[in-house]
């Protein structure tokens, strides 16, 4: 079932069992300054023209986080290569970039699940815009369905897994040789909260997100000394990252059970919920790529809702050793 933020969504959500109370999975309780929107450290104006001459490839650029990211990187002067489902879906974005910034763009349309599509996309970018300096993998929105009620795992569940895991990995694999040869490059992939918090009925996206997060830990260990920075980023609670209005999945409320007490709790929470803006994610991506100090966070889980400047400052000061000793910001299993 595609996530729906109307009354049907609220009325059909199941009780959620997690290692934390549900409120703590969505409530930002970090000691760091909390953000739901763009703030000074990640403001695109801070990085105006800082990425001139750089080539960035962005997936899902036609909507939500991807679109906001394309505009932010264009403002920073980068050549923006946008992947979308159709030329029509990308046309308004390219027109806005041309009118506001007049930076080089490239529109790319593809079904990234098709065999060799990611490799072909990278070859086209290299042919028309040059080697890719920055790859931004915006993973697609989720859908919700109990695993045991999948009529055929290969029909919906597995393609969702592939879109959230195989596609970004293939793109990373395709851009790495050139980045390593040049001794420089930045790779960012979005991960959902389902990758670190156990939520029922989102097994495809949650599993893909956790695997992608772990992959970034691995790729950092392999390539950081070769000049590659790698960041798995939770973009925040942004509606477009949870729900795609064009989703082909048909809403079926009967797929998920109903529990009145939880439903009432969720409805009460929703009344006061502060959704994050897409600018929170795109500004975070831009700061990670344009501020050299951010490389200290390479390989670690980044939560866009936390103040990035504060995280960097604390890592530079007294946090570094504690983070290493306690293996913070990593996907792990703790034992006693």
Protein backbone atom coordinates (compact mmCIF):
# COMPACT_ATOMS: atom_id res chain seq x y z
CA UNK A 1 0.00 0.00 0.00
CA UNK A 2 1.40 3.36 -0.94
CA UNK A 3 1.64 5.66 2.05
CA UNK A 4 -1.21 8.12 2.11
CA UNK A 5 -1.28 11.07 4.48
CA UNK A 6 -5.06 11.42 4.45
CA UNK A 7 -7.58 9.99 6.91
CA UNK A 8 -7.37 6.58 5.22
CA UNK A 9 -3.68 6.36 6.13
CA UNK A 10 -4.33 7.30 9.74
CA UNK A 11 -7.25 4.89 9.99
CA UNK A 12 -5.41 1.88 8.65
CA UNK A 13 -1.98 2.01 10.27
CA UNK A 14 -1.02 -1.01 12.38
CA UNK A 15 0.37 -0.95 15.90
CA UNK A 16 4.14 -0.45 15.65
CA UNK A 17 6.52 -2.57 17.70
CA UNK A 18 9.99 -1.10 18.02
CA UNK A 19 12.88 -1.13 20.43
CA UNK A 20 11.80 2.40 21.36
CA UNK A 21 8.37 3.87 22.08
CA UNK A 22 6.87 4.94 18.77
CA UNK A 23 7.06 8.61 19.70
CA UNK A 24 10.84 8.31 19.95
CA UNK A 25 11.12 6.98 16.41
CA UNK A 26 9.74 10.20 14.97
CA UNK A 27 10.45 12.71 17.74
CA UNK A 28 13.82 14.38 17.40
CA UNK A 29 15.26 14.02 20.91
CA UNK A 30 18.97 14.54 20.20
CA UNK A 31 20.95 16.91 22.40
CA UNK A 32 22.10 18.69 19.24
CA UNK A 33 20.13 21.60 17.82
CA UNK A 34 17.12 20.21 15.97
CA UNK A 35 16.05 21.32 12.51
CA UNK A 36 13.09 20.70 10.21
CA UNK A 37 14.04 23.24 7.55
CA UNK A 38 17.04 24.97 6.00
CA UNK A 39 19.35 26.75 8.49
CA UNK A 40 22.45 28.91 8.15
CA UNK A 41 25.11 26.19 8.03
CA UNK A 42 23.46 24.40 5.10
CA UNK A 43 21.97 27.46 3.37
CA UNK A 44 22.71 27.16 -0.39
CA UNK A 45 23.67 30.87 -0.48
CA UNK A 46 26.69 29.94 1.63
CA UNK A 47 28.00 27.75 -1.17
CA UNK A 48 27.18 29.92 -4.17
CA UNK A 49 29.56 29.02 -7.02
CA UNK A 50 31.62 26.81 -4.68
CA UNK A 51 31.10 23.78 -6.95
CA UNK A 52 31.71 25.46 -10.30
CA UNK A 53 33.32 22.97 -12.66
CA UNK A 54 31.98 19.96 -10.75
CA UNK A 55 29.61 17.42 -12.32
CA UNK A 56 26.82 16.03 -10.13
CA UNK A 57 24.45 13.17 -11.01
CA UNK A 58 21.11 13.13 -9.14
CA UNK A 59 18.45 10.42 -9.26
CA UNK A 60 14.72 11.08 -8.71
CA UNK A 61 15.41 14.67 -9.77
CA UNK A 62 11.90 15.30 -11.05
CA UNK A 63 10.27 15.61 -7.62
CA UNK A 64 10.69 16.26 -3.90
CA UNK A 65 14.19 15.90 -2.49
CA UNK A 66 15.77 15.23 -5.87
CA UNK A 67 14.36 18.37 -7.43
CA UNK A 68 15.38 20.53 -4.48
CA UNK A 69 18.87 19.01 -4.64
CA UNK A 70 19.24 19.81 -8.34
CA UNK A 71 18.35 23.46 -7.72
CA UNK A 72 20.72 23.73 -4.73
CA UNK A 73 23.67 22.29 -6.65
CA UNK A 74 22.93 24.50 -9.67
CA UNK A 75 23.09 27.51 -7.34
CA UNK A 76 26.49 26.23 -6.22
CA UNK A 77 27.60 26.34 -9.85
CA UNK A 78 27.75 22.61 -10.58
CA UNK A 79 26.82 20.97 -13.86
CA UNK A 80 23.61 19.20 -12.87
CA UNK A 81 22.72 15.90 -14.53
CA UNK A 82 19.18 14.90 -13.64
CA UNK A 83 17.58 11.45 -13.89
CA UNK A 84 13.79 11.29 -14.12
CA UNK A 85 11.07 9.04 -15.53
CA UNK A 86 10.38 11.25 -18.57
CA UNK A 87 11.57 14.37 -20.35
CA UNK A 88 8.30 16.08 -19.46
CA UNK A 89 8.85 15.46 -15.74
CA UNK A 90 12.27 17.14 -15.86
CA UNK A 91 11.42 20.07 -18.16
CA UNK A 92 10.15 22.49 -15.44
CA UNK A 93 13.27 21.84 -13.34
CA UNK A 94 15.67 22.45 -16.23
CA UNK A 95 13.83 25.64 -17.17
CA UNK A 96 14.08 26.93 -13.58
CA UNK A 97 17.82 26.20 -13.44
CA UNK A 98 18.43 27.94 -16.77
CA UNK A 99 16.42 31.01 -15.81
CA UNK A 100 17.89 31.39 -12.29
CA UNK A 101 21.47 30.16 -12.61
CA UNK A 102 22.20 29.32 -16.27
CA UNK A 103 24.48 26.46 -15.23
CA UNK A 104 25.00 23.41 -17.49
CA UNK A 105 22.35 20.69 -17.21
CA UNK A 106 21.68 17.29 -18.70
CA UNK A 107 18.31 15.53 -18.66
CA UNK A 108 18.42 11.73 -18.52
CA UNK A 109 15.38 9.48 -18.66
CA UNK A 110 15.61 5.81 -17.82
CA UNK A 111 14.08 2.90 -16.01
CA UNK A 112 16.99 2.34 -13.65
CA UNK A 113 15.76 -1.19 -12.93
CA UNK A 114 16.42 -2.17 -16.54
CA UNK A 115 19.57 -4.26 -17.10
CA UNK A 116 22.71 -2.11 -17.40
CA UNK A 117 20.67 1.14 -17.22
CA UNK A 118 22.79 2.69 -14.42
CA UNK A 119 26.01 1.90 -16.33
CA UNK A 120 24.63 3.44 -19.51
CA UNK A 121 23.52 6.55 -17.63
CA UNK A 122 27.02 7.08 -16.22
CA UNK A 123 28.55 6.63 -19.70
CA UNK A 124 26.20 9.27 -21.14
CA UNK A 125 27.09 11.76 -18.41
CA UNK A 126 30.79 11.19 -18.96
CA UNK A 127 30.33 11.61 -22.71
CA UNK A 128 28.35 14.86 -22.57
CA UNK A 129 29.42 16.50 -19.29
CA UNK A 130 32.63 14.77 -18.22
CA UNK A 131 33.62 12.61 -15.23
CA UNK A 132 31.16 12.56 -12.34
CA UNK A 133 32.45 14.28 -9.21
CA UNK A 134 29.35 13.84 -7.05
CA UNK A 135 26.68 11.11 -7.07
CA UNK A 136 23.43 11.71 -5.18
CA UNK A 137 21.32 8.57 -4.87
CA UNK A 138 17.78 9.58 -3.89
CA UNK A 139 16.12 6.29 -3.07
CA UNK A 140 12.44 6.02 -4.07
CA UNK A 141 9.44 6.32 -1.78
CA UNK A 142 8.24 3.29 0.14
CA UNK A 143 5.10 1.27 0.07
CA UNK A 144 3.46 -0.59 2.93
CA UNK A 145 2.28 -4.19 2.90
CA UNK A 146 2.65 -7.19 5.25
CA UNK A 147 5.24 -9.54 3.81
CA UNK A 148 3.03 -12.60 4.30
CA UNK A 149 0.34 -10.94 2.17
CA UNK A 150 2.59 -10.46 -0.84
CA UNK A 151 0.94 -12.56 -3.53
CA UNK A 152 4.25 -12.86 -5.38
CA UNK A 153 7.50 -11.62 -3.84
CA UNK A 154 8.95 -10.87 -7.27
CA UNK A 155 6.02 -8.68 -8.35
CA UNK A 156 6.20 -5.72 -5.95
CA UNK A 157 8.42 -6.52 -2.97
CA UNK A 158 11.60 -7.46 -4.82
CA UNK A 159 11.47 -4.55 -7.31
CA UNK A 160 11.14 -2.19 -4.31
CA UNK A 161 14.23 -3.83 -2.79
CA UNK A 162 16.13 -3.49 -6.06
CA UNK A 163 15.13 0.15 -6.53
CA UNK A 164 16.35 0.98 -3.03
CA UNK A 165 19.52 -1.12 -3.08
CA UNK A 166 20.65 -2.58 -6.41
CA UNK A 167 20.16 0.65 -8.38
CA UNK A 168 22.24 2.90 -6.07
CA UNK A 169 24.92 0.21 -5.78
CA UNK A 170 25.16 -0.14 -9.57
CA UNK A 171 25.48 3.63 -9.94
CA UNK A 172 28.17 3.73 -7.25
CA UNK A 173 30.02 0.86 -8.92
CA UNK A 174 29.90 2.71 -12.25
CA UNK A 175 31.26 6.04 -10.96
CA UNK A 176 33.98 4.69 -8.66
CA UNK A 177 36.69 3.85 -11.23
CA UNK A 178 36.87 7.42 -12.52
CA UNK A 179 36.70 8.88 -9.00
CA UNK A 180 39.52 6.62 -7.82
CA UNK A 181 41.65 7.45 -10.88
CA UNK A 182 41.25 11.17 -10.10
CA UNK A 183 41.64 10.69 -6.35
CA UNK A 184 38.47 12.63 -5.58
CA UNK A 185 34.71 12.11 -5.39
CA UNK A 186 31.65 12.26 -3.14
CA UNK A 187 28.84 9.72 -2.92
CA UNK A 188 25.60 10.31 -1.00
CA UNK A 189 22.66 7.91 -0.64
CA UNK A 190 19.40 8.54 1.20
CA UNK A 191 18.34 6.01 3.80
CA UNK A 192 14.96 5.89 5.48
CA UNK A 193 14.23 5.68 9.19
CA UNK A 194 13.08 2.11 8.50
CA UNK A 195 16.73 1.16 8.09
CA UNK A 196 17.52 1.79 11.77
CA UNK A 197 14.10 1.43 13.43
CA UNK A 198 11.94 -1.69 13.18
CA UNK A 199 8.56 -0.79 11.72
CA UNK A 200 6.18 -3.51 10.48
CA UNK A 201 4.92 -3.69 6.89
CA UNK A 202 7.81 -1.81 5.27
CA UNK A 203 10.17 -4.79 5.06
CA UNK A 204 11.29 -4.13 1.47
CA UNK A 205 12.35 -0.55 1.98
CA UNK A 206 13.55 -1.08 5.54
CA UNK A 207 15.76 -3.97 4.50
CA UNK A 208 17.10 -2.09 1.48
CA UNK A 209 17.80 0.98 3.59
CA UNK A 210 19.67 -0.99 6.26
CA UNK A 211 21.71 -2.78 3.61
CA UNK A 212 22.54 0.49 1.85
CA UNK A 213 23.63 2.02 5.16
CA UNK A 214 25.90 -0.97 5.85
CA UNK A 215 27.26 -0.80 2.31
CA UNK A 216 28.34 2.80 2.85
CA UNK A 217 30.27 1.69 5.94
CA UNK A 218 32.06 -0.88 3.80
CA UNK A 219 32.76 1.37 0.83
CA UNK A 220 34.20 4.02 3.13
CA UNK A 221 36.65 1.48 4.53
CA UNK A 222 37.72 0.59 0.99
CA UNK A 223 37.91 4.00 -0.68
CA UNK A 224 38.35 6.77 1.91
CA UNK A 225 42.13 6.65 1.53
CA UNK A 226 41.64 6.96 -2.23
CA UNK A 227 39.99 10.37 -1.83
CA UNK A 228 36.35 9.25 -1.89
CA UNK A 229 33.88 10.59 0.70
CA UNK A 230 30.77 8.48 1.29
CA UNK A 231 27.68 9.54 3.25
CA UNK A 232 24.47 7.59 4.01
CA UNK A 233 21.94 10.29 4.92
CA UNK A 234 18.55 10.08 6.58
CA UNK A 235 16.93 13.14 4.93
CA UNK A 236 14.38 13.71 7.70
CA UNK A 237 10.64 13.10 7.80
CA UNK A 238 9.89 14.50 4.36
CA UNK A 239 6.52 13.47 2.87
CA UNK A 240 7.94 13.05 -0.65
CA UNK A 241 10.45 10.50 0.68
CA UNK A 242 7.64 8.46 2.22
CA UNK A 243 4.91 8.79 -0.38
CA UNK A 244 4.99 9.07 -4.17
CA UNK A 245 1.65 10.28 -5.57
CA UNK A 246 2.45 8.52 -8.86
CA UNK A 247 2.98 5.16 -7.14
CA UNK A 248 1.54 2.23 -9.04
CA UNK A 249 0.58 0.44 -5.83
CA UNK A 250 -3.15 0.39 -5.19
CA UNK A 251 -4.08 1.35 -1.62
CA UNK A 252 -5.53 -1.66 0.17
CA UNK A 253 -6.35 -0.76 3.78
CA UNK A 254 -7.27 -4.37 4.51
CA UNK A 255 -3.59 -5.27 4.16
CA UNK A 256 -2.77 -3.64 7.48
CA UNK A 257 -4.58 -4.33 10.70
CA UNK A 258 -6.32 -1.75 12.79
CA UNK A 259 -5.68 -1.11 16.46
CA UNK A 260 -7.87 1.69 17.88
CA UNK A 261 -5.56 2.78 20.71
CA UNK A 262 -2.59 3.13 18.41
CA UNK A 263 -4.69 4.77 15.69
CA UNK A 264 -5.87 7.42 18.14
CA UNK A 265 -2.30 8.00 19.34
CA UNK A 266 -1.07 8.39 15.79
CA UNK A 267 -3.85 10.83 14.92
CA UNK A 268 -3.00 12.93 17.98
CA UNK A 269 0.66 12.94 16.98
CA UNK A 270 -0.16 13.83 13.38
CA UNK A 271 -1.98 16.98 14.48
CA UNK A 272 1.27 18.42 15.85
CA UNK A 273 3.71 16.71 13.47
CA UNK A 274 6.34 19.00 12.00
CA UNK A 275 7.29 17.55 8.64
CA UNK A 276 10.71 18.43 7.32
CA UNK A 277 11.17 20.48 4.16
CA UNK A 278 12.98 19.06 1.15
CA UNK A 279 15.45 21.93 1.59
CA UNK A 280 16.67 20.34 4.81
CA UNK A 281 17.90 17.33 2.84
CA UNK A 282 19.23 19.17 -0.21
CA UNK A 283 21.07 21.72 1.94
CA UNK A 284 22.64 18.91 3.96
CA UNK A 285 23.79 17.17 0.78
CA UNK A 286 25.28 20.42 -0.50
CA UNK A 287 27.15 21.12 2.73
CA UNK A 288 28.56 17.59 2.81
CA UNK A 289 29.92 18.09 -0.72
CA UNK A 290 31.02 21.73 -0.58
CA UNK A 291 32.44 22.08 2.95
CA UNK A 292 35.83 20.26 3.20
CA UNK A 293 35.38 19.89 6.97
CA UNK A 294 32.47 17.50 6.38
CA UNK A 295 34.82 14.74 5.24
CA UNK A 296 35.40 13.92 8.90
CA UNK A 297 31.91 12.35 8.84
CA UNK A 298 32.55 10.14 5.80
CA UNK A 299 31.19 6.61 6.23
CA UNK A 300 28.94 7.53 9.15
CA UNK A 301 25.15 7.71 9.33
CA UNK A 302 24.03 11.33 8.93
CA UNK A 303 20.66 12.48 10.22
CA UNK A 304 19.71 15.68 8.39
CA UNK A 305 17.55 16.75 11.33
CA UNK A 306 20.66 17.18 13.50
CA UNK A 307 22.67 20.38 13.21
CA UNK A 308 25.47 19.44 10.82
CA UNK A 309 27.76 22.26 11.91
CA UNK A 310 27.53 21.13 15.53
CA UNK A 311 28.23 17.50 14.61
CA UNK A 312 31.35 18.51 12.68
CA UNK A 313 32.59 20.80 15.47
CA UNK A 314 32.13 18.11 18.11
CA UNK A 315 33.83 15.50 15.95
CA UNK A 316 36.77 17.87 15.49
CA UNK A 317 36.91 18.53 19.24
CA UNK A 318 36.08 15.88 21.82
CA UNK A 319 33.64 13.50 20.14
CA UNK A 320 36.01 11.73 17.79
CA UNK A 321 37.46 9.25 20.28
CA UNK A 322 34.09 8.48 21.84
CA UNK A 323 32.57 7.86 18.42
CA UNK A 324 35.38 5.43 17.59
CA UNK A 325 35.24 3.63 20.95
CA UNK A 326 31.45 3.27 21.05
CA UNK A 327 31.15 2.79 17.26
CA UNK A 328 28.49 5.48 17.04
CA UNK A 329 26.72 6.37 13.79
CA UNK A 330 27.19 2.81 12.52
CA UNK A 331 24.73 0.00 11.85
CA UNK A 332 25.55 -2.57 14.54
CA UNK A 333 24.34 -5.12 17.08
CA UNK A 334 25.09 -4.35 20.72
CA UNK A 335 25.68 -7.18 23.18
CA UNK A 336 26.03 -7.35 26.94
